Amino acid sequence: MEDVLSRVFYDILGRVEGPLTFRLILQPLMALFFACRDGIQDAREEQPAYFWSLFTDPEHRRHRLLLGWKSVGRIFILAVLIDVVYQVIVFRWVYPGEALIVAAILALVPYVLLRGPVNRVARHWFHGHATSRPGHFPL
């Protein structure tokens, strides 16, 4: 088991160099784009912060997860497929678990971490401008 974990750790760190390194920037950027889009939409609809609501609102958890997956699912699947191509090129073998780990790091983590803060900033922006006096611009 220790050998497998060592190999996985080494293989994941090794992805920083070699073919297809553009995906290490492109996929998180795509996830960030969708997180910003969805966070702004959450603010308009006065929804709670996404990640926090997954823990504090069990009644709507399933619905929120499905909406999040709808936004980031294609990026996640693309990340898995590109990592499989990388593995075939570099290892001449496919490790599905590693592909899922890399896809989660590149697609899911940035999305989940950014959607809530974007919601808060956008909510402040929308409410700050809606309640401000003419000629007064809140910071």
N, C-alpha and C. Protein backbone atom coordinates (compact mmCIF):
# COMPACT_ATOMS: atom_id res chain seq x y z
N MET A 1 0.83 -1.19 0.00
CA MET A 1 0.00 0.00 0.00
C MET A 1 0.87 1.25 0.00
N GLU A 2 1.94 1.22 0.77
CA GLU A 2 2.84 2.37 0.84
C GLU A 2 3.50 2.63 -0.51
N ASP A 3 3.82 1.56 -1.24
CA ASP A 3 4.41 1.70 -2.57
C ASP A 3 3.43 2.38 -3.54
N VAL A 4 2.17 2.02 -3.44
CA VAL A 4 1.16 2.60 -4.32
C VAL A 4 1.01 4.09 -4.03
N LEU A 5 0.93 4.45 -2.75
CA LEU A 5 0.81 5.85 -2.38
C LEU A 5 2.03 6.66 -2.82
N SER A 6 3.21 6.09 -2.69
CA SER A 6 4.43 6.75 -3.14
C SER A 6 4.40 6.97 -4.65
N ARG A 7 3.98 5.95 -5.39
CA ARG A 7 3.91 6.08 -6.85
C ARG A 7 2.90 7.14 -7.25
N VAL A 8 1.73 7.13 -6.61
CA VAL A 8 0.70 8.11 -6.94
C VAL A 8 1.21 9.52 -6.66
N PHE A 9 1.82 9.73 -5.51
CA PHE A 9 2.35 11.04 -5.15
C PHE A 9 3.42 11.48 -6.15
N TYR A 10 4.34 10.60 -6.47
CA TYR A 10 5.41 10.90 -7.42
C TYR A 10 4.85 11.19 -8.82
N ASP A 11 3.88 10.37 -9.25
CA ASP A 11 3.28 10.55 -10.57
C ASP A 11 2.54 11.88 -10.67
N ILE A 12 1.82 12.24 -9.63
CA ILE A 12 1.06 13.50 -9.66
C ILE A 12 2.00 14.69 -9.68
N LEU A 13 3.04 14.64 -8.87
CA LEU A 13 4.02 15.74 -8.89
C LEU A 13 4.75 15.81 -10.22
N GLY A 14 4.96 14.68 -10.87
CA GLY A 14 5.66 14.64 -12.14
C GLY A 14 4.88 15.25 -13.29
N ARG A 15 3.59 15.47 -13.09
CA ARG A 15 2.76 16.04 -14.16
C ARG A 15 3.07 17.52 -14.41
N VAL A 16 3.79 18.14 -13.53
CA VAL A 16 4.13 19.55 -13.69
C VAL A 16 5.05 19.75 -14.89
N GLU A 17 5.83 18.74 -15.20
CA GLU A 17 6.73 18.79 -16.35
C GLU A 17 6.24 17.78 -17.39
N GLY A 18 6.68 17.97 -18.60
CA GLY A 18 6.34 17.00 -19.64
C GLY A 18 5.24 17.49 -20.55
N PRO A 19 4.65 16.57 -21.30
CA PRO A 19 3.63 16.95 -22.27
C PRO A 19 2.35 17.43 -21.60
N LEU A 20 1.61 18.24 -22.31
CA LEU A 20 0.29 18.72 -21.90
C LEU A 20 0.29 19.57 -20.63
N THR A 21 1.37 20.27 -20.35
CA THR A 21 1.40 21.09 -19.14
C THR A 21 0.46 22.29 -19.21
N PHE A 22 0.03 22.68 -20.41
CA PHE A 22 -0.90 23.79 -20.55
C PHE A 22 -2.18 23.55 -19.78
N ARG A 23 -2.56 22.29 -19.60
CA ARG A 23 -3.80 21.97 -18.88
C ARG A 23 -3.74 22.35 -17.42
N LEU A 24 -2.53 22.44 -16.86
CA LEU A 24 -2.38 22.81 -15.46
C LEU A 24 -2.77 24.26 -15.22
N ILE A 25 -2.81 25.05 -16.27
CA ILE A 25 -3.26 26.44 -16.18
C ILE A 25 -4.66 26.57 -16.76
N LEU A 26 -4.90 25.95 -17.90
CA LEU A 26 -6.17 26.11 -18.61
C LEU A 26 -7.35 25.55 -17.83
N GLN A 27 -7.24 24.38 -17.27
CA GLN A 27 -8.38 23.77 -16.58
C GLN A 27 -8.77 24.52 -15.31
N PRO A 28 -7.82 24.93 -14.46
CA PRO A 28 -8.25 25.75 -13.32
C PRO A 28 -8.85 27.09 -13.76
N LEU A 29 -8.34 27.67 -14.85
CA LEU A 29 -8.93 28.93 -15.33
C LEU A 29 -10.38 28.73 -15.79
N MET A 30 -10.64 27.62 -16.45
CA MET A 30 -12.02 27.33 -16.86
C MET A 30 -12.91 27.13 -15.63
N ALA A 31 -12.40 26.43 -14.63
CA ALA A 31 -13.17 26.23 -13.40
C ALA A 31 -13.42 27.56 -12.71
N LEU A 32 -12.42 28.44 -12.70
CA LEU A 32 -12.58 29.75 -12.09
C LEU A 32 -13.61 30.59 -12.83
N PHE A 33 -13.63 30.50 -14.16
CA PHE A 33 -14.63 31.22 -14.94
C PHE A 33 -16.04 30.79 -14.53
N PHE A 34 -16.27 29.48 -14.46
CA PHE A 34 -17.60 28.99 -14.09
C PHE A 34 -17.93 29.31 -12.64
N ALA A 35 -16.94 29.29 -11.75
CA ALA A 35 -17.16 29.65 -10.36
C ALA A 35 -17.59 31.11 -10.25
N CYS A 36 -16.93 31.98 -11.00
CA CYS A 36 -17.30 33.40 -10.99
C CYS A 36 -18.71 33.60 -11.53
N ARG A 37 -19.00 32.95 -12.64
CA ARG A 37 -20.34 33.06 -13.23
C ARG A 37 -21.40 32.60 -12.24
N ASP A 38 -21.19 31.44 -11.63
CA ASP A 38 -22.18 30.89 -10.71
C ASP A 38 -22.24 31.66 -9.40
N GLY A 39 -21.10 32.16 -8.92
CA GLY A 39 -21.08 32.96 -7.70
C GLY A 39 -21.86 34.25 -7.88
N ILE A 40 -21.72 34.89 -9.04
CA ILE A 40 -22.48 36.12 -9.32
C ILE A 40 -23.97 35.81 -9.41
N GLN A 41 -24.30 34.68 -10.04
CA GLN A 41 -25.71 34.28 -10.11
C GLN A 41 -26.26 33.99 -8.72
N ASP A 42 -25.47 33.34 -7.87
CA ASP A 42 -25.89 33.10 -6.49
C ASP A 42 -26.17 34.41 -5.77
N ALA A 43 -25.31 35.40 -5.98
CA ALA A 43 -25.50 36.69 -5.32
C ALA A 43 -26.79 37.36 -5.79
N ARG A 44 -27.06 37.29 -7.08
CA ARG A 44 -28.30 37.89 -7.62
C ARG A 44 -29.53 37.22 -7.02
N GLU A 45 -29.43 35.89 -6.82
CA GLU A 45 -30.57 35.14 -6.27
C GLU A 45 -30.54 35.09 -4.75
N GLU A 46 -29.58 35.79 -4.14
CA GLU A 46 -29.38 35.83 -2.69
C GLU A 46 -29.26 34.43 -2.08
N GLN A 47 -28.50 33.57 -2.77
CA GLN A 47 -28.19 32.23 -2.28
C GLN A 47 -27.02 32.33 -1.30
N PRO A 48 -26.92 31.39 -0.38
CA PRO A 48 -25.77 31.39 0.53
C PRO A 48 -24.49 30.98 -0.20
N ALA A 49 -23.35 31.19 0.44
CA ALA A 49 -22.07 30.77 -0.13
C ALA A 49 -22.12 29.28 -0.42
N TYR A 50 -21.66 28.90 -1.60
CA TYR A 50 -21.84 27.55 -2.11
C TYR A 50 -21.26 26.48 -1.18
N PHE A 51 -19.97 26.52 -0.94
CA PHE A 51 -19.30 25.47 -0.18
C PHE A 51 -19.88 25.38 1.23
N TRP A 52 -20.10 26.51 1.85
CA TRP A 52 -20.62 26.55 3.21
C TRP A 52 -22.03 25.96 3.25
N SER A 53 -22.84 26.26 2.23
CA SER A 53 -24.21 25.77 2.22
C SER A 53 -24.28 24.25 2.07
N LEU A 54 -23.25 23.64 1.51
CA LEU A 54 -23.25 22.18 1.40
C LEU A 54 -23.23 21.52 2.78
N PHE A 55 -22.66 22.22 3.76
CA PHE A 55 -22.59 21.66 5.12
C PHE A 55 -23.73 22.15 6.00
N THR A 56 -24.19 23.36 5.79
CA THR A 56 -25.16 23.96 6.71
C THR A 56 -26.60 23.86 6.26
N ASP A 57 -26.85 23.45 5.03
CA ASP A 57 -28.21 23.40 4.51
C ASP A 57 -28.49 22.02 3.92
N PRO A 58 -28.65 21.00 4.78
CA PRO A 58 -28.83 19.64 4.27
C PRO A 58 -30.11 19.48 3.43
N GLU A 59 -31.09 20.32 3.66
CA GLU A 59 -32.33 20.25 2.92
C GLU A 59 -32.13 20.53 1.42
N HIS A 60 -31.20 21.43 1.10
CA HIS A 60 -30.96 21.81 -0.30
C HIS A 60 -29.61 21.30 -0.82
N ARG A 61 -28.92 20.49 -0.05
CA ARG A 61 -27.58 20.02 -0.41
C ARG A 61 -27.57 19.31 -1.77
N ARG A 62 -28.47 18.39 -1.96
CA ARG A 62 -28.50 17.62 -3.21
C ARG A 62 -28.71 18.54 -4.41
N HIS A 63 -29.64 19.46 -4.29
CA HIS A 63 -29.91 20.39 -5.38
C HIS A 63 -28.69 21.26 -5.68
N ARG A 64 -28.02 21.75 -4.64
CA ARG A 64 -26.82 22.59 -4.83
C ARG A 64 -25.69 21.78 -5.46
N LEU A 65 -25.52 20.53 -5.03
CA LEU A 65 -24.49 19.69 -5.63
C LEU A 65 -24.77 19.43 -7.11
N LEU A 66 -26.01 19.19 -7.44
CA LEU A 66 -26.36 18.96 -8.85
C LEU A 66 -26.12 20.21 -9.70
N LEU A 67 -26.45 21.38 -9.17
CA LEU A 67 -26.19 22.62 -9.90
C LEU A 67 -24.69 22.84 -10.09
N GLY A 68 -23.92 22.57 -9.04
CA GLY A 68 -22.47 22.71 -9.14
C GLY A 68 -21.89 21.74 -10.14
N TRP A 69 -22.35 20.50 -10.10
CA TRP A 69 -21.84 19.49 -11.03
C TRP A 69 -22.21 19.84 -12.47
N LYS A 70 -23.40 20.41 -12.65
CA LYS A 70 -23.82 20.82 -13.99
C LYS A 70 -22.85 21.85 -14.57
N SER A 71 -22.36 22.73 -13.73
CA SER A 71 -21.43 23.77 -14.19
C SER A 71 -20.02 23.23 -14.42
N VAL A 72 -19.53 22.43 -13.49
CA VAL A 72 -18.12 22.03 -13.54
C VAL A 72 -17.92 20.61 -14.05
N GLY A 73 -19.00 19.90 -14.29
CA GLY A 73 -18.91 18.49 -14.71
C GLY A 73 -18.15 18.30 -16.01
N ARG A 74 -18.43 19.14 -17.00
CA ARG A 74 -17.73 19.00 -18.30
C ARG A 74 -16.24 19.28 -18.15
N ILE A 75 -15.91 20.25 -17.33
CA ILE A 75 -14.49 20.56 -17.11
C ILE A 75 -13.81 19.38 -16.41
N PHE A 76 -14.50 18.78 -15.45
CA PHE A 76 -13.95 17.63 -14.73
C PHE A 76 -13.73 16.46 -15.69
N ILE A 77 -14.72 16.17 -16.52
CA ILE A 77 -14.58 15.07 -17.48
C ILE A 77 -13.46 15.35 -18.47
N LEU A 78 -13.37 16.59 -18.94
CA LEU A 78 -12.27 16.97 -19.83
C LEU A 78 -10.92 16.79 -19.13
N ALA A 79 -10.85 17.17 -17.86
CA ALA A 79 -9.60 17.01 -17.10
C ALA A 79 -9.23 15.53 -16.99
N VAL A 80 -10.21 14.67 -16.77
CA VAL A 80 -9.94 13.22 -16.69
C VAL A 80 -9.42 12.72 -18.04
N LEU A 81 -10.09 13.10 -19.12
CA LEU A 81 -9.68 12.63 -20.44
C LEU A 81 -8.28 13.11 -20.82
N ILE A 82 -7.98 14.36 -20.54
CA ILE A 82 -6.64 14.88 -20.86
C ILE A 82 -5.59 14.18 -20.01
N ASP A 83 -5.91 13.89 -18.75
CA ASP A 83 -4.94 13.19 -17.91
C ASP A 83 -4.73 11.75 -18.40
N VAL A 84 -5.78 11.12 -18.90
CA VAL A 84 -5.63 9.78 -19.47
C VAL A 84 -4.70 9.83 -20.68
N VAL A 85 -4.87 10.83 -21.53
CA VAL A 85 -3.97 10.99 -22.68
C VAL A 85 -2.53 11.20 -22.19
N TYR A 86 -2.35 12.03 -21.17
CA TYR A 86 -1.03 12.25 -20.59
C TYR A 86 -0.44 10.92 -20.11
N GLN A 87 -1.23 10.15 -19.40
CA GLN A 87 -0.75 8.87 -18.87
C GLN A 87 -0.35 7.91 -19.97
N VAL A 88 -1.12 7.87 -21.03
CA VAL A 88 -0.78 6.98 -22.15
C VAL A 88 0.53 7.42 -22.78
N ILE A 89 0.72 8.72 -22.94
CA ILE A 89 1.96 9.24 -23.53
C ILE A 89 3.17 8.96 -22.64
N VAL A 90 3.03 9.26 -21.35
CA VAL A 90 4.18 9.18 -20.43
C VAL A 90 4.38 7.78 -19.86
N PHE A 91 3.32 7.15 -19.37
CA PHE A 91 3.45 5.87 -18.66
C PHE A 91 3.15 4.66 -19.54
N ARG A 92 2.51 4.90 -20.68
CA ARG A 92 2.05 3.82 -21.54
C ARG A 92 1.08 2.90 -20.78
N TRP A 93 0.39 3.49 -19.84
CA TRP A 93 -0.56 2.78 -19.00
C TRP A 93 -1.53 3.82 -18.45
N VAL A 94 -2.72 3.39 -18.01
CA VAL A 94 -3.70 4.31 -17.44
C VAL A 94 -3.98 3.93 -16.00
N TYR A 95 -3.85 4.92 -15.12
CA TYR A 95 -4.19 4.77 -13.71
C TYR A 95 -5.44 5.61 -13.45
N PRO A 96 -6.62 5.00 -13.44
CA PRO A 96 -7.86 5.77 -13.31
C PRO A 96 -7.94 6.60 -12.02
N GLY A 97 -7.45 6.05 -10.93
CA GLY A 97 -7.48 6.78 -9.66
C GLY A 97 -6.69 8.08 -9.72
N GLU A 98 -5.51 8.01 -10.35
CA GLU A 98 -4.69 9.21 -10.50
C GLU A 98 -5.39 10.23 -11.38
N ALA A 99 -6.05 9.77 -12.43
CA ALA A 99 -6.77 10.69 -13.31
C ALA A 99 -7.88 11.41 -12.55
N LEU A 100 -8.58 10.70 -11.68
CA LEU A 100 -9.64 11.31 -10.89
C LEU A 100 -9.08 12.32 -9.89
N ILE A 101 -7.95 11.98 -9.27
CA ILE A 101 -7.32 12.89 -8.31
C ILE A 101 -6.88 14.17 -9.00
N VAL A 102 -6.22 14.03 -10.14
CA VAL A 102 -5.73 15.20 -10.88
C VAL A 102 -6.90 16.04 -11.36
N ALA A 103 -7.95 15.41 -11.87
CA ALA A 103 -9.11 16.16 -12.34
C ALA A 103 -9.78 16.91 -11.19
N ALA A 104 -9.86 16.29 -10.02
CA ALA A 104 -10.45 16.97 -8.86
C ALA A 104 -9.61 18.18 -8.48
N ILE A 105 -8.29 18.03 -8.49
CA ILE A 105 -7.42 19.15 -8.13
C ILE A 105 -7.52 20.28 -9.15
N LEU A 106 -7.60 19.94 -10.43
CA LEU A 106 -7.60 20.96 -11.47
C LEU A 106 -8.97 21.57 -11.72
N ALA A 107 -10.04 20.85 -11.47
CA ALA A 107 -11.36 21.36 -11.82
C ALA A 107 -12.25 21.63 -10.61
N LEU A 108 -12.36 20.67 -9.71
CA LEU A 108 -13.31 20.81 -8.61
C LEU A 108 -12.83 21.75 -7.52
N VAL A 109 -11.59 21.63 -7.12
CA VAL A 109 -11.07 22.44 -6.02
C VAL A 109 -11.15 23.94 -6.32
N PRO A 110 -10.66 24.41 -7.48
CA PRO A 110 -10.78 25.85 -7.75
C PRO A 110 -12.24 26.32 -7.79
N TYR A 111 -13.12 25.52 -8.35
CA TYR A 111 -14.53 25.89 -8.45
C TYR A 111 -15.14 26.05 -7.06
N VAL A 112 -14.95 25.05 -6.22
CA VAL A 112 -15.56 25.06 -4.90
C VAL A 112 -14.97 26.18 -4.03
N LEU A 113 -13.67 26.40 -4.13
CA LEU A 113 -13.04 27.42 -3.30
C LEU A 113 -13.38 28.85 -3.72
N LEU A 114 -13.69 29.07 -4.98
CA LEU A 114 -13.90 30.44 -5.44
C LEU A 114 -15.37 30.84 -5.53
N ARG A 115 -16.28 29.92 -5.73
CA ARG A 115 -17.68 30.29 -5.94
C ARG A 115 -18.26 31.06 -4.75
N GLY A 116 -17.98 30.64 -3.55
CA GLY A 116 -18.51 31.32 -2.36
C GLY A 116 -17.96 32.74 -2.19
N PRO A 117 -16.63 32.92 -2.25
CA PRO A 117 -16.11 34.29 -2.13
C PRO A 117 -16.60 35.23 -3.23
N VAL A 118 -16.75 34.72 -4.45
CA VAL A 118 -17.30 35.56 -5.53
C VAL A 118 -18.73 35.96 -5.18
N ASN A 119 -19.49 35.03 -4.63
CA ASN A 119 -20.86 35.32 -4.21
C ASN A 119 -20.85 36.47 -3.20
N ARG A 120 -19.96 36.39 -2.20
CA ARG A 120 -19.92 37.43 -1.16
C ARG A 120 -19.54 38.80 -1.73
N VAL A 121 -18.52 38.81 -2.59
CA VAL A 121 -18.09 40.07 -3.19
C VAL A 121 -19.20 40.65 -4.07
N ALA A 122 -19.81 39.81 -4.89
CA ALA A 122 -20.88 40.28 -5.77
C ALA A 122 -22.09 40.74 -4.97
N ARG A 123 -22.41 40.05 -3.91
CA ARG A 123 -23.54 40.46 -3.06
C ARG A 123 -23.26 41.83 -2.46
N HIS A 124 -22.04 42.03 -1.98
CA HIS A 124 -21.66 43.34 -1.44
C HIS A 124 -21.77 44.40 -2.53
N TRP A 125 -21.31 44.07 -3.73
CA TRP A 125 -21.36 45.01 -4.85
C TRP A 125 -22.81 45.37 -5.20
N PHE A 126 -23.67 44.34 -5.33
CA PHE A 126 -25.06 44.59 -5.70
C PHE A 126 -25.79 45.37 -4.61
N HIS A 127 -25.65 44.95 -3.37
CA HIS A 127 -26.36 45.61 -2.27
C HIS A 127 -25.75 46.96 -1.95
N GLY A 128 -24.44 47.07 -2.09
CA GLY A 128 -23.79 48.36 -1.84
C GLY A 128 -24.26 49.42 -2.82
N HIS A 129 -24.41 49.03 -4.09
CA HIS A 129 -24.86 49.99 -5.09
C HIS A 129 -26.36 50.25 -5.00
N ALA A 130 -27.10 49.26 -4.59
CA ALA A 130 -28.55 49.42 -4.52
C ALA A 130 -28.96 50.36 -3.39
N THR A 131 -28.17 50.38 -2.30
CA THR A 131 -28.54 51.20 -1.15
C THR A 131 -27.75 52.48 -1.07
N SER A 132 -26.89 52.76 -2.01
CA SER A 132 -26.06 53.95 -1.92
C SER A 132 -26.83 55.19 -2.35
N ARG A 133 -26.38 56.34 -1.84
CA ARG A 133 -26.96 57.63 -2.21
C ARG A 133 -26.39 58.06 -3.54
N PRO A 134 -27.09 58.89 -4.29
CA PRO A 134 -26.53 59.39 -5.55
C PRO A 134 -25.21 60.13 -5.29
N GLY A 135 -24.23 59.85 -6.08
CA GLY A 135 -22.93 60.48 -5.94
C GLY A 135 -22.04 59.83 -4.91
N HIS A 136 -22.55 58.83 -4.18
CA HIS A 136 -21.76 58.13 -3.17
C HIS A 136 -21.43 56.73 -3.70
N PHE A 137 -20.15 56.42 -3.73
CA PHE A 137 -19.70 55.12 -4.24
C PHE A 137 -19.03 54.35 -3.11
N PRO A 138 -19.67 53.27 -2.63
CA PRO A 138 -19.08 52.49 -1.54
C PRO A 138 -17.83 51.76 -2.01
N LEU A 139 -16.92 51.59 -1.08
CA LEU A 139 -15.68 50.87 -1.39
C LEU A 139 -15.85 49.40 -1.27
